C-alpha atoms as a PDB file:
ATOM      1  CA  UNK A   1      51.545 -64.249  41.052  1.00  0.00           C
ATOM      2  CA  UNK A   2      54.958 -61.780  40.061  1.00  0.00           C
ATOM      3  CA  UNK A   3      56.872 -61.358  43.271  1.00  0.00           C
ATOM      4  CA  UNK A   4      57.878 -57.063  43.792  1.00  0.00           C
ATOM      5  CA  UNK A   5      61.418 -55.953  43.062  1.00  0.00           C
ATOM      6  CA  UNK A   6      64.377 -56.517  44.923  1.00  0.00           C
ATOM      7  CA  UNK A   7      63.994 -55.768  48.798  1.00  0.00           C
ATOM      8  CA  UNK A   8      65.098 -51.901  49.153  1.00  0.00           C
ATOM      9  CA  UNK A   9      64.225 -50.760  52.451  1.00  0.00           C
ATOM     10  CA  UNK A  10      64.276 -51.086  55.956  1.00  0.00           C
ATOM     11  CA  UNK A  11      61.180 -51.077  57.849  1.00  0.00           C
ATOM     12  CA  UNK A  12      61.087 -49.952  61.504  1.00  0.00           C
ATOM     13  CA  UNK A  13      60.856 -53.442  63.201  1.00  0.00           C
ATOM     14  CA  UNK A  14      64.160 -54.360  61.180  1.00  0.00           C
ATOM     15  CA  UNK A  15      66.334 -51.806  62.598  1.00  0.00           C
ATOM     16  CA  UNK A  16      68.268 -51.911  65.596  1.00  0.00           C
ATOM     17  CA  UNK A  17      70.571 -49.782  67.665  1.00  0.00           C
ATOM     18  CA  UNK A  18      74.609 -50.659  66.703  1.00  0.00           C
ATOM     19  CA  UNK A  19      73.547 -51.742  63.224  1.00  0.00           C
ATOM     20  CA  UNK A  20      75.841 -49.885  60.943  1.00  0.00           C
ATOM     21  CA  UNK A  21      75.021 -49.887  56.846  1.00  0.00           C
ATOM     22  CA  UNK A  22      77.602 -48.931  53.871  1.00  0.00           C
ATOM     23  CA  UNK A  23      75.417 -47.406  51.304  1.00  0.00           C
ATOM     24  CA  UNK A  24      76.043 -47.878  47.579  1.00  0.00           C
ATOM     25  CA  UNK A  25      76.066 -46.643  44.849  1.00  0.00           C
ATOM     26  CA  UNK A  26      78.698 -43.763  45.651  1.00  0.00           C
ATOM     27  CA  UNK A  27      78.103 -40.700  43.491  1.00  0.00           C
ATOM     28  CA  UNK A  28      80.696 -38.203  41.874  1.00  0.00           C
ATOM     29  CA  UNK A  29      80.345 -34.638  41.757  1.00  0.00           C
ATOM     30  CA  UNK A  30      80.762 -32.284  38.959  1.00  0.00           C
ATOM     31  CA  UNK A  31      81.412 -28.696  38.565  1.00  0.00           C
ATOM     32  CA  UNK A  32      78.193 -28.595  36.315  1.00  0.00           C
ATOM     33  CA  UNK A  33      76.120 -30.047  39.299  1.00  0.00           C
ATOM     34  CA  UNK A  34      77.775 -27.254  41.406  1.00  0.00           C
ATOM     35  CA  UNK A  35      76.326 -24.679  39.124  1.00  0.00           C
ATOM     36  CA  UNK A  36      73.032 -25.863  38.967  1.00  0.00           C
ATOM     37  CA  UNK A  37      72.893 -26.117  42.531  1.00  0.00           C
ATOM     38  CA  UNK A  38      73.994 -22.640  42.978  1.00  0.00           C
ATOM     39  CA  UNK A  39      71.704 -21.224  40.284  1.00  0.00           C
ATOM     40  CA  UNK A  40      68.798 -22.980  40.725  1.00  0.00           C
ATOM     41  CA  UNK A  41      68.848 -22.008  44.915  1.00  0.00           C
ATOM     42  CA  UNK A  42      69.670 -18.133  44.109  1.00  0.00           C
ATOM     43  CA  UNK A  43      73.247 -18.541  45.884  1.00  0.00           C
ATOM     44  CA  UNK A  44      74.978 -15.412  45.660  1.00  0.00           C
ATOM     45  CA  UNK A  45      78.729 -17.385  46.685  1.00  0.00           C
ATOM     46  CA  UNK A  46      80.403 -16.743  44.015  1.00  0.00           C
ATOM     47  CA  UNK A  47      82.720 -19.214  45.195  1.00  0.00           C
ATOM     48  CA  UNK A  48      80.944 -22.033  43.697  1.00  0.00           C
ATOM     49  CA  UNK A  49      80.609 -21.081  40.484  1.00  0.00           C
ATOM     50  CA  UNK A  50      83.142 -18.613  39.581  1.00  0.00           C
ATOM     51  CA  UNK A  51      86.525 -19.835  38.904  1.00  0.00           C
ATOM     52  CA  UNK A  52      88.733 -16.718  38.272  1.00  0.00           C
ATOM     53  CA  UNK A  53      87.314 -15.746  41.990  1.00  0.00           C
ATOM     54  CA  UNK A  54      87.604 -19.155  43.638  1.00  0.00           C
ATOM     55  CA  UNK A  55      91.244 -19.420  42.424  1.00  0.00           C
ATOM     56  CA  UNK A  56      91.927 -16.359  44.758  1.00  0.00           C
ATOM     57  CA  UNK A  57      90.648 -18.095  47.849  1.00  0.00           C
ATOM     58  CA  UNK A  58      91.966 -20.668  49.888  1.00  0.00           C
ATOM     59  CA  UNK A  59      90.387 -23.197  47.853  1.00  0.00           C
ATOM     60  CA  UNK A  60      91.811 -22.515  44.581  1.00  0.00           C
ATOM     61  CA  UNK A  61      88.851 -23.825  42.900  1.00  0.00           C
ATOM     62  CA  UNK A  62      85.361 -23.981  43.023  1.00  0.00           C
ATOM     63  CA  UNK A  63      84.018 -25.415  46.270  1.00  0.00           C
ATOM     64  CA  UNK A  64      80.731 -27.550  46.107  1.00  0.00           C
ATOM     65  CA  UNK A  65      78.035 -26.041  47.700  1.00  0.00           C
ATOM     66  CA  UNK A  66      77.360 -27.660  50.885  1.00  0.00           C
ATOM     67  CA  UNK A  67      73.805 -28.017  50.612  1.00  0.00           C
ATOM     68  CA  UNK A  68      74.551 -30.466  47.594  1.00  0.00           C
ATOM     69  CA  UNK A  69      76.717 -32.522  50.242  1.00  0.00           C
ATOM     70  CA  UNK A  70      73.884 -32.372  52.451  1.00  0.00           C
ATOM     71  CA  UNK A  71      70.909 -33.321  49.933  1.00  0.00           C
ATOM     72  CA  UNK A  72      73.090 -36.228  48.777  1.00  0.00           C
ATOM     73  CA  UNK A  73      74.224 -37.632  51.903  1.00  0.00           C
ATOM     74  CA  UNK A  74      70.692 -38.478  53.034  1.00  0.00           C
ATOM     75  CA  UNK A  75      69.222 -38.891  49.531  1.00  0.00           C
ATOM     76  CA  UNK A  76      72.040 -41.943  49.301  1.00  0.00           C
ATOM     77  CA  UNK A  77      70.865 -43.361  52.287  1.00  0.00           C
ATOM     78  CA  UNK A  78      67.383 -44.192  50.508  1.00  0.00           C
ATOM     79  CA  UNK A  79      68.068 -47.670  49.784  1.00  0.00           C
ATOM     80  CA  UNK A  80      68.258 -48.805  53.446  1.00  0.00           C
ATOM     81  CA  UNK A  81      66.015 -45.935  54.784  1.00  0.00           C
ATOM     82  CA  UNK A  82      63.517 -45.417  51.753  1.00  0.00           C
ATOM     83  CA  UNK A  83      60.618 -46.272  53.924  1.00  0.00           C
ATOM     84  CA  UNK A  84      61.402 -43.006  56.301  1.00  0.00           C
ATOM     85  CA  UNK A  85      57.849 -40.999  56.854  1.00  0.00           C
ATOM     86  CA  UNK A  86      59.936 -38.164  57.417  1.00  0.00           C
ATOM     87  CA  UNK A  87      63.141 -36.334  58.962  1.00  0.00           C
ATOM     88  CA  UNK A  88      62.246 -35.310  62.866  1.00  0.00           C
ATOM     89  CA  UNK A  89      65.159 -33.416  63.482  1.00  0.00           C
ATOM     90  CA  UNK A  90      68.687 -32.936  62.669  1.00  0.00           C
ATOM     91  CA  UNK A  91      71.054 -31.974  65.751  1.00  0.00           C
ATOM     92  CA  UNK A  92      74.331 -31.781  64.093  1.00  0.00           C
ATOM     93  CA  UNK A  93      75.273 -31.166  60.330  1.00  0.00           C
ATOM     94  CA  UNK A  94      79.144 -30.897  60.078  1.00  0.00           C
ATOM     95  CA  UNK A  95      81.006 -30.591  56.915  1.00  0.00           C
ATOM     96  CA  UNK A  96      84.881 -31.708  57.857  1.00  0.00           C
ATOM     97  CA  UNK A  97      86.485 -31.475  54.553  1.00  0.00           C
ATOM     98  CA  UNK A  98      85.749 -29.894  51.021  1.00  0.00           C
ATOM     99  CA  UNK A  99      84.439 -31.482  48.154  1.00  0.00           C
ATOM    100  CA  UNK A 100      85.177 -30.370  44.615  1.00  0.00           C
ATOM    101  CA  UNK A 101      84.132 -31.373  40.915  1.00  0.00           C
ATOM    102  CA  UNK A 102      85.552 -34.930  40.404  1.00  0.00           C
ATOM    103  CA  UNK A 103      85.267 -36.038  43.959  1.00  0.00           C
ATOM    104  CA  UNK A 104      82.924 -39.185  44.536  1.00  0.00           C
ATOM    105  CA  UNK A 105      80.810 -39.171  47.566  1.00  0.00           C
ATOM    106  CA  UNK A 106      79.987 -42.416  49.720  1.00  0.00           C
ATOM    107  CA  UNK A 107      77.964 -43.015  52.810  1.00  0.00           C
ATOM    108  CA  UNK A 108      77.729 -45.151  55.628  1.00  0.00           C
ATOM    109  CA  UNK A 109      75.117 -45.077  58.655  1.00  0.00           C
ATOM    110  CA  UNK A 110      75.107 -46.118  62.180  1.00  0.00           C
ATOM    111  CA  UNK A 111      71.860 -46.659  64.310  1.00  0.00           C
ATOM    112  CA  UNK A 112      72.345 -45.319  67.574  1.00  0.00           C
ATOM    113  CA  UNK A 113      68.940 -46.230  68.465  1.00  0.00           C
ATOM    114  CA  UNK A 114      65.178 -46.655  68.001  1.00  0.00           C
ATOM    115  CA  UNK A 115      61.921 -46.175  69.497  1.00  0.00           C
ATOM    116  CA  UNK A 116      58.420 -46.683  69.012  1.00  0.00           C
ATOM    117  CA  UNK A 117      55.960 -43.381  67.641  1.00  0.00           C
ATOM    118  CA  UNK A 118      52.716 -45.299  67.430  1.00  0.00           C
ATOM    119  CA  UNK A 119      51.001 -48.568  65.754  1.00  0.00           C
ATOM    120  CA  UNK A 120      52.190 -47.184  62.383  1.00  0.00           C
ATOM    121  CA  UNK A 121      55.617 -45.641  63.018  1.00  0.00           C
ATOM    122  CA  UNK A 122      58.897 -46.136  64.725  1.00  0.00           C
ATOM    123  CA  UNK A 123      61.882 -43.719  65.480  1.00  0.00           C
ATOM    124  CA  UNK A 124      65.792 -44.189  64.664  1.00  0.00           C
ATOM    125  CA  UNK A 125      68.570 -41.874  65.573  1.00  0.00           C
ATOM    126  CA  UNK A 126      71.077 -42.005  62.805  1.00  0.00           C
ATOM    127  CA  UNK A 127      74.926 -41.087  62.248  1.00  0.00           C
ATOM    128  CA  UNK A 128      75.442 -40.662  58.908  1.00  0.00           C
ATOM    129  CA  UNK A 129      79.024 -40.290  57.562  1.00  0.00           C
ATOM    130  CA  UNK A 130      80.275 -38.897  54.026  1.00  0.00           C
ATOM    131  CA  UNK A 131      83.607 -40.135  52.959  1.00  0.00           C
ATOM    132  CA  UNK A 132      85.392 -39.298  49.483  1.00  0.00           C
ATOM    133  CA  UNK A 133      87.103 -41.342  47.324  1.00  0.00           C
ATOM    134  CA  UNK A 134      89.878 -41.593  49.057  1.00  0.00           C
ATOM    135  CA  UNK A 135      88.532 -42.905  52.322  1.00  0.00           C
ATOM    136  CA  UNK A 136      88.616 -39.340  53.941  1.00  0.00           C
ATOM    137  CA  UNK A 137      85.592 -38.035  55.976  1.00  0.00           C
ATOM    138  CA  UNK A 138      83.795 -34.980  54.744  1.00  0.00           C
ATOM    139  CA  UNK A 139      80.614 -34.962  56.618  1.00  0.00           C
ATOM    140  CA  UNK A 140      78.648 -35.925  59.527  1.00  0.00           C
ATOM    141  CA  UNK A 141      74.994 -35.771  60.159  1.00  0.00           C
ATOM    142  CA  UNK A 142      73.284 -36.647  63.501  1.00  0.00           C
ATOM    143  CA  UNK A 143      69.326 -37.089  62.938  1.00  0.00           C
ATOM    144  CA  UNK A 144      66.205 -38.675  63.800  1.00  0.00           C
ATOM    145  CA  UNK A 145      63.565 -39.984  61.401  1.00  0.00           C
ATOM    146  CA  UNK A 146      60.140 -41.617  61.339  1.00  0.00           C
ATOM    147  CA  UNK A 147      60.077 -45.176  59.601  1.00  0.00           C
ATOM    148  CA  UNK A 148      57.161 -47.092  58.867  1.00  0.00           C
ATOM    149  CA  UNK A 149      56.483 -50.424  60.607  1.00  0.00           C
ATOM    150  CA  UNK A 150      56.460 -53.081  58.006  1.00  0.00           C
ATOM    151  CA  UNK A 151      52.999 -53.599  57.294  1.00  0.00           C
ATOM    152  CA  UNK A 152      52.072 -50.098  57.575  1.00  0.00           C
ATOM    153  CA  UNK A 153      52.919 -47.100  55.050  1.00  0.00           C
ATOM    154  CA  UNK A 154      51.059 -46.036  51.671  1.00  0.00           C
ATOM    155  CA  UNK A 155      53.331 -48.521  49.455  1.00  0.00           C
ATOM    156  CA  UNK A 156      52.155 -51.739  50.146  1.00  0.00           C
ATOM    157  CA  UNK A 157      51.483 -53.427  46.359  1.00  0.00           C
ATOM    158  CA  UNK A 158      48.069 -55.016  46.197  1.00  0.00           C
ATOM    159  CA  UNK A 159      48.213 -58.833  44.981  1.00  0.00           C
ATOM    160  CA  UNK A 160      52.216 -58.753  45.236  1.00  0.00           C
ATOM    161  CA  UNK A 161      54.321 -60.006  47.787  1.00  0.00           C
ATOM    162  CA  UNK A 162      58.355 -58.436  48.743  1.00  0.00           C
ATOM    163  CA  UNK A 163      60.876 -61.290  47.402  1.00  0.00           C
ATOM    164  CA  UNK A 164      62.343 -62.788  50.679  1.00  0.00           C
ATOM    165  CA  UNK A 165      64.755 -65.556  48.905  1.00  0.00           C
ATOM    166  CA  UNK A 166      68.185 -65.123  49.545  1.00  0.00           C
ATOM    167  CA  UNK A 167      69.257 -63.958  46.300  1.00  0.00           C
ATOM    168  CA  UNK A 168      66.907 -60.624  46.932  1.00  0.00           C
ATOM    169  CA  UNK A 169      68.385 -59.580  49.978  1.00  0.00           C
ATOM    170  CA  UNK A 170      68.850 -55.837  50.216  1.00  0.00           C
ATOM    171  CA  UNK A 171      72.221 -56.045  51.945  1.00  0.00           C
ATOM    172  CA  UNK A 172      75.135 -58.290  52.266  1.00  0.00           C
ATOM    173  CA  UNK A 173      77.164 -59.002  55.866  1.00  0.00           C
ATOM    174  CA  UNK A 174      81.021 -57.497  55.373  1.00  0.00           C
ATOM    175  CA  UNK A 175      83.273 -59.521  57.700  1.00  0.00           C
ATOM    176  CA  UNK A 176      83.549 -56.492  59.917  1.00  0.00           C
ATOM    177  CA  UNK A 177      79.596 -56.880  60.980  1.00  0.00           C
ATOM    178  CA  UNK A 178      78.556 -53.764  58.628  1.00  0.00           C
ATOM    179  CA  UNK A 179      75.706 -54.488  56.194  1.00  0.00           C
ATOM    180  CA  UNK A 180      76.623 -53.572  52.696  1.00  0.00           C
ATOM    181  CA  UNK A 181      73.752 -52.267  49.963  1.00  0.00           C
ATOM    182  CA  UNK A 182      73.571 -54.826  46.911  1.00  0.00           C
ATOM    183  CA  UNK A 183      71.230 -54.288  43.792  1.00  0.00           C
ATOM    184  CA  UNK A 184      70.648 -56.494  41.180  1.00  0.00           C
ATOM    185  CA  UNK A 185      70.659 -60.152  40.320  1.00  0.00           C
ATOM    186  CA  UNK A 186      74.088 -61.970  39.107  1.00  0.00           C
ATOM    187  CA  UNK A 187      73.126 -63.896  35.760  1.00  0.00           C
ATOM    188  CA  UNK A 188      72.890 -67.444  37.651  1.00  0.00           C
ATOM    189  CA  UNK A 189      70.013 -65.848  39.931  1.00  0.00           C
ATOM    190  CA  UNK A 190      67.970 -64.943  36.742  1.00  0.00           C
ATOM    191  CA  UNK A 191      65.516 -67.776  35.786  1.00  0.00           C
ATOM    192  CA  UNK A 192      63.480 -68.218  32.741  1.00  0.00           C
ATOM    193  CA  UNK A 193      59.751 -67.296  33.023  1.00  0.00           C
ATOM    194  CA  UNK A 194      59.960 -65.347  36.111  1.00  0.00           C
ATOM    195  CA  UNK A 195      58.418 -61.912  36.582  1.00  0.00           C
ATOM    196  CA  UNK A 196      59.556 -59.052  38.403  1.00  0.00           C
ATOM    197  CA  UNK A 197      57.565 -55.759  39.396  1.00  0.00           C
ATOM    198  CA  UNK A 198      60.170 -53.068  39.503  1.00  0.00           C
ATOM    199  CA  UNK A 199      59.721 -50.799  42.384  1.00  0.00           C
ATOM    200  CA  UNK A 200      59.698 -47.778  42.774  1.00  0.00           C
ATOM    201  CA  UNK A 201      57.284 -46.341  39.883  1.00  0.00           C
ATOM    202  CA  UNK A 202      57.877 -43.037  38.904  1.00  0.00           C
ATOM    203  CA  UNK A 203      55.854 -40.310  38.042  1.00  0.00           C
ATOM    204  CA  UNK A 204      56.678 -38.078  35.250  1.00  0.00           C
ATOM    205  CA  UNK A 205      56.402 -34.569  35.368  1.00  0.00           C
ATOM    206  CA  UNK A 206      55.558 -32.113  32.755  1.00  0.00           C
ATOM    207  CA  UNK A 207      59.092 -29.871  33.178  1.00  0.00           C
ATOM    208  CA  UNK A 208      61.454 -33.165  33.350  1.00  0.00           C
ATOM    209  CA  UNK A 209      59.436 -34.330  29.822  1.00  0.00           C
ATOM    210  CA  UNK A 210      59.761 -30.622  28.220  1.00  0.00           C
ATOM    211  CA  UNK A 211      63.567 -30.570  29.524  1.00  0.00           C
ATOM    212  CA  UNK A 212      64.212 -34.664  28.030  1.00  0.00           C
ATOM    213  CA  UNK A 213      62.531 -33.637  24.627  1.00  0.00           C
ATOM    214  CA  UNK A 214      64.830 -30.136  24.047  1.00  0.00           C
ATOM    215  CA  UNK A 215      68.261 -31.793  25.022  1.00  0.00           C
ATOM    216  CA  UNK A 216      67.551 -34.849  22.664  1.00  0.00           C
ATOM    217  CA  UNK A 217      66.140 -32.278  20.033  1.00  0.00           C
ATOM    218  CA  UNK A 218      63.166 -33.669  20.188  1.00  0.00           C
ATOM    219  CA  UNK A 219      61.814 -30.518  18.912  1.00  0.00           C
ATOM    220  CA  UNK A 220      58.569 -31.325  17.554  1.00  0.00           C
ATOM    221  CA  UNK A 221      55.880 -29.161  18.998  1.00  0.00           C
ATOM    222  CA  UNK A 222      53.739 -31.345  20.565  1.00  0.00           C
ATOM    223  CA  UNK A 223      56.977 -32.058  22.975  1.00  0.00           C
ATOM    224  CA  UNK A 224      56.688 -28.281  24.078  1.00  0.00           C
ATOM    225  CA  UNK A 225      54.444 -26.086  22.570  1.00  0.00           C
ATOM    226  CA  UNK A 226      50.978 -25.825  25.041  1.00  0.00           C
ATOM    227  CA  UNK A 227      49.086 -24.394  22.279  1.00  0.00           C
ATOM    228  CA  UNK A 228      50.259 -26.521  19.542  1.00  0.00           C
ATOM    229  CA  UNK A 229      49.313 -29.703  21.644  1.00  0.00           C
ATOM    230  CA  UNK A 230      45.821 -28.350  22.765  1.00  0.00           C
ATOM    231  CA  UNK A 231      45.255 -28.107  19.004  1.00  0.00           C
ATOM    232  CA  UNK A 232      45.723 -31.507  18.900  1.00  0.00           C
ATOM    233  CA  UNK A 233      43.069 -32.338  21.632  1.00  0.00           C
ATOM    234  CA  UNK A 234      45.814 -33.268  24.219  1.00  0.00           C
ATOM    235  CA  UNK A 235      45.767 -31.448  27.908  1.00  0.00           C
ATOM    236  CA  UNK A 236      49.415 -30.674  27.980  1.00  0.00           C
ATOM    237  CA  UNK A 237      52.504 -31.290  25.941  1.00  0.00           C
ATOM    238  CA  UNK A 238      53.083 -35.084  25.531  1.00  0.00           C
ATOM    239  CA  UNK A 239      55.955 -36.643  27.102  1.00  0.00           C
ATOM    240  CA  UNK A 240      58.452 -37.953  24.591  1.00  0.00           C
ATOM    241  CA  UNK A 241      57.922 -41.821  23.707  1.00  0.00           C
ATOM    242  CA  UNK A 242      61.895 -42.382  23.913  1.00  0.00           C
ATOM    243  CA  UNK A 243      61.800 -40.569  27.492  1.00  0.00           C
ATOM    244  CA  UNK A 244      58.818 -43.084  28.556  1.00  0.00           C
ATOM    245  CA  UNK A 245      61.315 -46.151  27.296  1.00  0.00           C
ATOM    246  CA  UNK A 246      64.326 -44.790  29.188  1.00  0.00           C
ATOM    247  CA  UNK A 247      62.315 -44.103  32.366  1.00  0.00           C
ATOM    248  CA  UNK A 248      61.036 -47.985  32.037  1.00  0.00           C
ATOM    249  CA  UNK A 249      64.298 -49.111  31.681  1.00  0.00           C
ATOM    250  CA  UNK A 250      65.599 -47.226  35.027  1.00  0.00           C
ATOM    251  CA  UNK A 251      62.832 -48.818  36.922  1.00  0.00           C
ATOM    252  CA  UNK A 252      64.072 -52.103  35.822  1.00  0.00           C
ATOM    253  CA  UNK A 253      67.619 -51.617  37.209  1.00  0.00           C
ATOM    254  CA  UNK A 254      66.791 -52.910  40.751  1.00  0.00           C
ATOM    255  CA  UNK A 255      66.399 -55.913  39.464  1.00  0.00           C
ATOM    256  CA  UNK A 256      69.035 -56.214  36.604  1.00  0.00           C
ATOM    257  CA  UNK A 257      71.520 -53.943  38.563  1.00  0.00           C
ATOM    258  CA  UNK A 258      74.446 -56.246  38.125  1.00  0.00           C
ATOM    259  CA  UNK A 259      73.651 -55.451  34.045  1.00  0.00           C
ATOM    260  CA  UNK A 260      77.223 -55.111  32.183  1.00  0.00           C
ATOM    261  CA  UNK A 261      75.514 -53.559  28.788  1.00  0.00           C
ATOM    262  CA  UNK A 262      72.179 -53.234  27.130  1.00  0.00           C
ATOM    263  CA  UNK A 263      72.718 -55.239  23.602  1.00  0.00           C
ATOM    264  CA  UNK A 264      69.440 -53.269  22.255  1.00  0.00           C
ATOM    265  CA  UNK A 265      65.721 -53.550  21.806  1.00  0.00           C
ATOM    266  CA  UNK A 266      63.344 -55.438  19.570  1.00  0.00           C
ATOM    267  CA  UNK A 267      59.420 -55.704  19.226  1.00  0.00           C
ATOM    268  CA  UNK A 268      58.912 -52.055  20.516  1.00  0.00           C
ATOM    269  CA  UNK A 269      55.228 -51.184  20.918  1.00  0.00           C
ATOM    270  CA  UNK A 270      53.717 -47.987  22.421  1.00  0.00           C
ATOM    271  CA  UNK A 271      50.178 -48.062  23.619  1.00  0.00           C
ATOM    272  CA  UNK A 272      48.333 -45.236  25.193  1.00  0.00           C
ATOM    273  CA  UNK A 273      50.064 -41.790  25.434  1.00  0.00           C
ATOM    274  CA  UNK A 274      52.200 -40.862  28.080  1.00  0.00           C
ATOM    275  CA  UNK A 275      51.368 -37.542  29.370  1.00  0.00           C
ATOM    276  CA  UNK A 276      52.710 -35.527  32.393  1.00  0.00           C
ATOM    277  CA  UNK A 277      51.338 -36.891  35.853  1.00  0.00           C
ATOM    278  CA  UNK A 278      51.164 -40.060  34.605  1.00  0.00           C
ATOM    279  CA  UNK A 279      52.731 -42.917  37.064  1.00  0.00           C
ATOM    280  CA  UNK A 280      55.064 -45.308  35.197  1.00  0.00           C
ATOM    281  CA  UNK A 281      54.819 -49.312  36.826  1.00  0.00           C
ATOM    282  CA  UNK A 282      57.211 -51.428  34.889  1.00  0.00           C
ATOM    283  CA  UNK A 283      57.493 -55.640  35.134  1.00  0.00           C
ATOM    284  CA  UNK A 284      59.864 -57.873  33.620  1.00  0.00           C
ATOM    285  CA  UNK A 285      59.780 -61.376  32.470  1.00  0.00           C
ATOM    286  CA  UNK A 286      63.112 -63.192  32.002  1.00  0.00           C
ATOM    287  CA  UNK A 287      62.506 -65.378  28.700  1.00  0.00           C
ATOM    288  CA  UNK A 288      65.583 -66.765  27.826  1.00  0.00           C
ATOM    289  CA  UNK A 289      69.567 -66.916  29.586  1.00  0.00           C
ATOM    290  CA  UNK A 290      72.811 -68.055  28.336  1.00  0.00           C
ATOM    291  CA  UNK A 291      76.202 -68.237  28.906  1.00  0.00           C
ATOM    292  CA  UNK A 292      78.085 -65.504  26.708  1.00  0.00           C
ATOM    293  CA  UNK A 293      80.899 -66.968  24.118  1.00  0.00           C
ATOM    294  CA  UNK A 294      83.150 -64.520  24.639  1.00  0.00           C
ATOM    295  CA  UNK A 295      82.858 -63.130  27.766  1.00  0.00           C
ATOM    296  CA  UNK A 296      83.288 -65.980  30.294  1.00  0.00           C
ATOM    297  CA  UNK A 297      82.555 -63.742  33.390  1.00  0.00           C
ATOM    298  CA  UNK A 298      79.164 -62.790  32.098  1.00  0.00           C
ATOM    299  CA  UNK A 299      75.844 -64.131  30.577  1.00  0.00           C
ATOM    300  CA  UNK A 300      73.388 -62.912  28.449  1.00  0.00           C
ATOM    301  CA  UNK A 301      69.649 -62.687  29.213  1.00  0.00           C
ATOM    302  CA  UNK A 302      66.664 -61.899  27.242  1.00  0.00           C
ATOM    303  CA  UNK A 303      63.812 -59.850  28.708  1.00  0.00           C
ATOM    304  CA  UNK A 304      60.206 -59.129  27.961  1.00  0.00           C
ATOM    305  CA  UNK A 305      59.420 -55.631  29.925  1.00  0.00           C
ATOM    306  CA  UNK A 306      56.139 -53.881  29.958  1.00  0.00           C
ATOM    307  CA  UNK A 307      54.982 -50.247  31.406  1.00  0.00           C
ATOM    308  CA  UNK A 308      51.628 -49.346  32.491  1.00  0.00           C
ATOM    309  CA  UNK A 309      49.883 -46.214  33.735  1.00  0.00           C
ATOM    310  CA  UNK A 310      48.256 -45.611  36.798  1.00  0.00           C
ATOM    311  CA  UNK A 311      45.165 -46.740  34.877  1.00  0.00           C
ATOM    312  CA  UNK A 312      46.690 -49.980  34.194  1.00  0.00           C
ATOM    313  CA  UNK A 313      47.010 -49.139  30.406  1.00  0.00           C
ATOM    314  CA  UNK A 314      50.079 -50.270  28.463  1.00  0.00           C
ATOM    315  CA  UNK A 315      52.202 -47.184  27.829  1.00  0.00           C
ATOM    316  CA  UNK A 316      55.173 -49.406  26.041  1.00  0.00           C
ATOM    317  CA  UNK A 317      56.453 -52.834  25.590  1.00  0.00           C
ATOM    318  CA  UNK A 318      59.915 -54.299  24.281  1.00  0.00           C
ATOM    319  CA  UNK A 319      62.534 -57.179  24.417  1.00  0.00           C
ATOM    320  CA  UNK A 320      65.972 -56.419  25.622  1.00  0.00           C
ATOM    321  CA  UNK A 321      69.215 -58.595  25.419  1.00  0.00           C
ATOM    322  CA  UNK A 322      71.521 -57.627  28.475  1.00  0.00           C
ATOM    323  CA  UNK A 323      74.936 -58.973  29.035  1.00  0.00           C
ATOM    324  CA  UNK A 324      74.991 -59.583  32.860  1.00  0.00           C
ATOM    325  CA  UNK A 325      77.665 -60.601  35.582  1.00  0.00           C
ATOM    326  CA  UNK A 326      78.062 -63.798  36.761  1.00  0.00           C
ATOM    327  CA  UNK A 327      79.027 -64.457  40.410  1.00  0.00           C
ATOM    328  CA  UNK A 328      82.873 -64.705  41.258  1.00  0.00           C
ATOM    329  CA  UNK A 329      85.186 -62.684  38.708  1.00  0.00           C
ATOM    330  CA  UNK A 330      83.286 -59.076  38.780  1.00  0.00           C
ATOM    331  CA  UNK A 331      84.843 -55.421  39.895  1.00  0.00           C
ATOM    332  CA  UNK A 332      81.899 -55.379  42.953  1.00  0.00           C
ATOM    333  CA  UNK A 333      84.267 -56.085  45.758  1.00  0.00           C
ATOM    334  CA  UNK A 334      87.167 -54.275  44.262  1.00  0.00           C
ATOM    335  CA  UNK A 335      84.691 -51.250  44.288  1.00  0.00           C
ATOM    336  CA  UNK A 336      83.846 -51.232  47.830  1.00  0.00           C
ATOM    337  CA  UNK A 337      80.642 -52.874  47.000  1.00  0.00           C
END
């Protein structure tokens, strides 16, 4: 039986007061992010998107929307606190330094306290701090969350077990006692014949399918014209097959997070049509490994990946050749990972 993907979230029973977590990866802001956040939320503060106006303020350039920092600060904790049932309350949201396009946000969390809720949930009081690429604190958030116990919650995978070997650990202990998030297996940890069920899954939405079709110049009417799709007997515009491959590849990055480059695909097959509302689950089998002849710090891994929908129907299947970092010489420690 294949094992679940790389461990990626703490349960209520594994969280204790005094723990410190360093969340990775970081996330770089852009002015395009700023404009979209402001316009999508009907934000009338022109300091976020009018460069001429912003240049006459104390900031001298467009200031990042504060709620964008808030959303990303919480979102970046998901690898550690991904089994969060909900946020109960926020006692303080402090923005201590401005963020601008080109700045990178990093997050760290300290557990202030824990307590029981019921047989299924526990409660944790958290302090999450945001830092920019210069190590300056830009935000501080104090809040309380509910976390599922290890055996509770709706995300249990029938017939599969969570990986417990050291190579699958979601966090590495730093010298100062903090736990640093890590994602992906080194070349030496990928073994021929092993199969990984990637988690989490992803549901494809109609809006994102149409948006990705249009942005890719995939202008065939079945991708965005409801009347045309219905004339073909489809309930809605179909999800582009290339977007289906993109999602399946992205789902595998929890296991293959230390890939340096994707060398290409072979033997690509398509099965059931991918429709809005379908949920994709991907799994990959390692078919072969070899050392790179040109890059001594990397190896080449061949994998067979298959994505299925919620009905168990194969949507796409393909082989890929990947360059993967070996242990030792790599950029992770230098980048704070």
